[in-house]
Protein backbone atom coordinates (compact mmCIF):
# COMPACT_ATOMS: atom_id res chain seq x y z
CA MET A 1 152.93 180.75 147.36
CA ILE A 2 149.17 180.42 147.39
CA ILE A 3 148.10 183.78 145.99
CA ALA A 4 146.81 185.18 142.72
CA SER A 5 148.73 183.96 139.70
CA ALA A 6 149.77 187.50 138.77
CA VAL A 7 152.01 187.64 141.82
CA SER A 8 152.71 183.97 142.43
CA GLN A 9 156.43 184.39 141.85
CA LEU A 10 156.85 187.06 144.50
CA PRO A 11 159.63 186.20 146.96
CA GLY A 12 158.93 184.80 150.40
CA ARG A 13 160.58 186.24 153.48
CA ALA A 14 160.87 183.02 155.46
CA PRO A 15 162.32 183.55 158.94
CA ILE A 16 166.00 182.65 159.18
CA LEU A 17 166.23 180.23 162.08
CA ALA A 18 169.11 178.21 163.44
CA GLY A 19 169.33 175.03 161.41
CA THR A 20 169.47 172.42 164.16
CA PRO A 21 167.78 169.01 164.45
CA ASP A 22 165.35 170.53 166.95
CA VAL A 23 164.72 173.76 165.05
CA PRO A 24 164.92 173.18 161.27
CA SER A 25 164.44 176.08 158.88
CA LEU A 26 163.43 176.50 155.27
CA HIS A 27 166.76 178.19 154.57
CA GLY A 28 168.53 175.19 156.08
CA LEU A 29 167.13 172.99 153.31
CA PHE A 30 169.40 174.78 150.82
CA SER A 31 172.62 174.52 152.84
CA GLY A 32 173.97 171.47 151.03
CA GLN A 33 173.06 172.67 147.53
CA PRO A 34 175.65 173.97 145.03
CA LEU A 35 176.17 177.72 144.88
CA GLU A 36 175.18 179.22 141.51
CA SER A 37 175.86 182.61 139.91
CA VAL A 38 173.56 184.50 137.56
CA GLU A 39 175.10 187.32 135.54
CA PRO A 40 173.36 190.71 135.25
CA GLY A 41 170.66 190.55 132.58
CA ALA A 42 170.57 186.75 132.54
CA THR A 43 167.27 184.93 133.05
CA LEU A 44 166.78 182.36 135.78
CA PHE A 45 163.42 181.18 134.46
CA TRP A 46 160.79 182.42 132.03
CA GLN A 47 157.11 183.11 132.41
CA GLY A 48 155.33 179.92 131.35
CA ASP A 49 158.29 177.61 132.11
CA ARG A 50 157.61 174.42 133.99
CA SER A 51 158.10 175.18 137.69
CA ARG A 52 160.75 172.68 138.79
CA HIS A 53 162.78 174.35 141.55
CA VAL A 54 162.61 176.53 144.64
CA PHE A 55 165.40 179.12 144.96
CA GLU A 56 167.13 180.85 147.85
CA VAL A 57 168.68 184.22 146.96
CA LEU A 58 171.98 184.80 148.77
CA LYS A 59 173.22 187.93 147.01
CA GLY A 60 171.95 190.40 144.45
CA VAL A 61 168.52 191.27 143.09
CA LEU A 62 166.18 189.57 140.63
CA ARG A 63 163.36 191.42 138.90
CA LEU A 64 160.20 189.33 138.63
CA TYR A 65 158.03 190.48 135.76
CA ARG A 66 155.12 189.53 133.55
CA ILE A 67 154.45 190.51 129.96
CA LEU A 68 150.84 191.44 129.34
CA PRO A 69 148.99 190.53 126.11
CA ASP A 70 149.45 194.11 124.87
CA GLY A 71 153.23 193.83 125.32
CA ARG A 72 153.55 195.91 128.47
CA ARG A 73 155.89 194.75 131.23
CA ILE A 74 154.76 194.68 134.85
CA ILE A 75 157.34 194.02 137.55
CA VAL A 76 155.47 192.15 140.25
CA GLY A 77 158.36 192.18 142.70
CA PHE A 78 162.09 192.09 143.38
CA ALA A 79 163.77 189.05 144.95
CA GLN A 80 166.63 190.09 147.21
CA GLU A 81 169.06 188.57 149.68
CA GLY A 82 167.26 186.26 152.09
CA ASP A 83 164.25 185.67 149.82
CA ILE A 84 162.94 182.28 148.78
CA ILE A 85 161.13 182.20 145.43
CA GLY A 86 159.14 179.48 143.72
CA LEU A 87 157.01 178.50 146.70
CA ALA A 88 153.75 178.63 144.73
CA PRO A 89 152.07 175.32 143.89
CA ASP A 90 151.56 176.45 140.28
CA ALA A 91 152.72 173.95 137.66
CA HIS A 92 154.20 176.77 135.58
CA CYS A 93 156.12 179.94 136.42
CA GLN A 94 153.81 182.93 136.48
CA ALA A 95 156.62 185.45 135.98
CA THR A 96 160.08 185.77 134.46
CA ALA A 97 163.06 186.13 136.84
CA GLU A 98 165.91 188.24 135.49
CA ALA A 99 169.07 189.32 137.30
CA VAL A 100 169.37 193.06 137.96
CA ASN A 101 172.96 192.67 139.12
CA GLU A 102 175.15 189.65 139.89
CA VAL A 103 173.04 187.14 141.77
CA ARG A 104 174.19 184.18 143.84
CA LEU A 105 171.69 181.54 144.81
CA ARG A 106 170.98 177.93 145.62
CA ARG A 107 168.15 175.78 144.34
CA ILE A 108 166.36 172.62 145.36
CA GLU A 109 163.88 170.50 143.39
CA ARG A 110 160.28 171.36 144.23
CA CYS A 111 159.30 167.73 144.88
CA ARG A 112 162.15 167.33 147.37
CA PHE A 113 161.44 170.70 148.99
CA ARG A 114 157.79 169.76 149.41
CA ALA A 115 158.60 166.32 150.86
CA LEU A 116 161.06 167.75 153.39
CA THR A 117 158.66 170.52 154.39
CA GLU A 118 155.70 168.20 154.85
CA ALA A 119 157.80 165.81 156.95
CA SER A 120 158.53 168.44 159.61
CA PRO A 121 155.85 170.27 161.65
CA ALA A 122 158.31 173.13 162.27
CA LEU A 123 159.02 173.52 158.56
CA THR A 124 155.33 173.32 157.77
CA ARG A 125 154.64 176.17 160.18
CA GLU A 126 157.46 178.26 158.72
CA PHE A 127 156.25 177.54 155.19
CA ILE A 128 152.72 178.68 156.08
CA ALA A 129 154.14 181.80 157.72
CA ALA A 130 156.07 182.60 154.54
CA LEU A 131 152.93 182.18 152.46
CA CYS A 132 150.96 184.46 154.78
CA GLU A 133 153.64 187.13 154.53
CA GLU A 134 153.51 186.90 150.75
CA VAL A 135 149.75 187.34 150.79
CA ALA A 136 150.14 190.41 153.00
CA ALA A 137 152.80 191.82 150.66
CA ALA A 138 150.58 191.24 147.64
CA GLN A 139 147.67 192.98 149.34
CA GLU A 140 149.87 195.92 150.32
CA GLN A 141 151.11 196.24 146.72
CA THR A 142 147.54 196.18 145.41
CA MET A 143 146.54 198.95 147.83
CA LEU A 144 149.65 200.93 146.90
CA LEU A 145 148.74 200.91 143.21
CA ALA A 146 145.01 201.43 143.69
CA ARG A 147 144.81 204.16 146.32
CA ARG A 148 148.07 206.08 146.46
CA GLY A 149 149.52 208.86 144.35
CA ALA A 150 152.88 208.88 142.62
CA GLU A 151 154.82 210.38 145.52
CA GLU A 152 153.29 207.96 148.01
CA ARG A 153 154.16 205.01 145.76
CA VAL A 154 157.78 206.06 145.34
CA CYS A 155 158.21 206.87 149.03
CA GLY A 156 156.56 203.59 150.02
CA PHE A 157 158.98 201.72 147.78
CA LEU A 158 161.99 203.52 149.28
CA LEU A 159 160.69 202.95 152.81
CA ARG A 160 160.46 199.22 152.15
CA GLN A 161 164.00 199.19 150.75
CA MET A 162 165.18 200.98 153.89
CA GLN A 163 163.53 198.31 156.01
CA ARG A 164 165.13 195.56 153.92
CA ALA A 165 168.58 197.16 154.28
CA ALA A 166 168.13 197.30 158.05
CA GLU A 167 167.16 193.61 158.11
CA GLY A 168 170.45 192.81 156.39
CA GLY A 169 172.45 194.62 159.06
CA ASN A 170 173.22 197.66 156.89
CA PRO A 171 172.76 201.25 158.08
CA ALA A 172 169.02 201.89 158.04
CA THR A 173 169.48 205.29 156.41
CA THR A 174 171.51 204.05 153.43
CA ILE A 175 169.82 201.77 150.93
CA PRO A 176 171.21 199.89 147.92
CA LEU A 177 169.18 200.62 144.81
CA PRO A 178 170.53 198.49 141.94
CA MET A 179 167.27 198.56 139.98
CA SER A 180 166.82 201.19 137.28
CA ARG A 181 164.26 204.01 137.24
CA THR A 182 162.47 202.05 134.51
CA ASP A 183 162.29 199.00 136.80
CA ILE A 184 160.86 201.11 139.61
CA ALA A 185 158.33 202.69 137.24
CA ASP A 186 157.18 199.30 135.94
CA HIS A 187 156.84 198.06 139.51
CA LEU A 188 154.86 201.05 140.75
CA GLY A 189 152.64 201.54 137.71
CA LEU A 190 154.19 204.92 136.86
CA THR A 191 156.11 206.41 133.96
CA ILE A 192 159.88 206.77 134.16
CA GLU A 193 159.44 210.54 133.87
CA THR A 194 157.20 210.58 136.96
CA VAL A 195 159.64 208.44 138.95
CA SER A 196 162.60 210.63 137.96
CA ARG A 197 160.68 213.81 138.75
CA THR A 198 159.70 212.44 142.17
CA PHE A 199 163.29 211.45 142.97
CA THR A 200 164.46 214.94 141.98
CA ASN A 201 161.79 216.56 144.14
CA LEU A 202 162.66 214.41 147.16
CA THR A 203 166.34 215.25 146.69
CA GLN A 204 165.65 218.98 146.51
CA ARG A 205 163.60 218.77 149.70
CA GLY A 206 166.44 217.02 151.51
CA VAL A 207 164.55 213.75 152.07
CA ILE A 208 167.02 211.64 150.06
CA ALA A 209 170.49 212.08 148.56
CA PRO A 210 172.40 210.02 145.96
CA GLU A 211 175.18 207.79 147.28
CA GLY A 212 177.06 206.75 144.17
CA ARG A 213 175.27 205.12 141.22
CA HIS A 214 173.38 202.40 143.03
CA ALA A 215 172.52 203.67 146.51
CA LEU A 216 170.54 206.38 148.27
CA ALA A 217 170.94 208.06 151.63
CA ILE A 218 167.65 208.57 153.44
CA ARG A 219 168.26 211.94 155.09
CA ARG A 220 164.85 212.32 156.73
CA PRO A 221 163.41 208.85 157.51
CA ALA A 222 160.37 210.09 159.40
CA THR A 223 159.46 212.45 156.58
CA LEU A 224 159.82 209.60 154.08
CA ALA A 225 157.45 207.48 156.17
CA ARG A 226 154.92 210.32 156.34
CA LEU A 227 155.07 210.91 152.59
CA ALA A 228 154.62 207.18 152.02
CA GLY A 229 151.31 207.36 153.83
CA ALA A 230 152.53 205.62 156.98
CA ASP A 231 150.24 206.33 159.92
CA SER A 232 153.11 207.08 162.26
CA GLN A 233 156.50 205.84 163.33
CA ALA A 234 154.71 202.62 164.24
CA ASP A 235 154.91 201.77 160.54
CA ILE A 236 158.70 201.92 160.70
CA ARG A 237 160.35 198.79 162.07
CA PRO A 238 162.26 199.13 165.37
CA CYS A 239 165.72 199.51 163.82
CA ASP A 240 164.38 202.19 161.46
CA THR A 241 162.66 204.03 164.30
CA ASP A 242 165.98 204.28 166.15
CA ALA A 243 167.60 205.74 163.04
CA ALA A 244 164.78 208.23 162.62
CA ARG A 245 165.03 209.34 166.25
CA GLN A 246 168.78 209.78 166.01
CA ALA A 247 168.61 211.76 162.77
CA ALA A 248 169.75 215.34 163.16
CA TRP A 249 167.72 216.66 160.23
CA PRO A 250 164.42 218.44 160.75
CA HIS A 251 161.30 216.41 159.92
């Protein structure tokens, strides 16, 4: 992606289109590639590695992080199902990609990916659209860290996970959350104590509820959106708006 190097390994949400001769898609470029598995805790690539491949995530979550000169870790993003990572033109990886849980993916060499993309006007348009979405996501994350308080950051993160779950066809009010509290803290620029305290507070207020070890139920979606700093229900995607309207809990 063509954005600042600090976030150049953020995933791209390229539209999933029907892979036909008339309507090619970026995801279709990976269809003939071998399926690979990455075990939890294993590293796909390291910060500073030569950037040789583009990856399509089919299952699981990767944490994308950078280590600062003072030794601190900053998680610049999470790559999840449907994401394409490695789109940036950088010669070297700007972040480390580590599996949060079991990850399944496909890869394609960057030179081949670039040649196939440049040869198709439709793929070129989709590629540019993916880059634009990444830029927008990076700007949103910058605003989140610069202008919002701890509760807004945590609620904004959960709201985005709710939207991602809905995109995958899962119930919009139940979200998988395989990443640890430490991961969330390092992503949001907070301490683990602050993240844990905010989760506890939201649970006590009936906004969220644990669903096993790695999932949350969003009990009051509209309240979550409001606490995240969303202007209105317009900031919730259509499928999430339906869930919010159907919710029986007070907002």
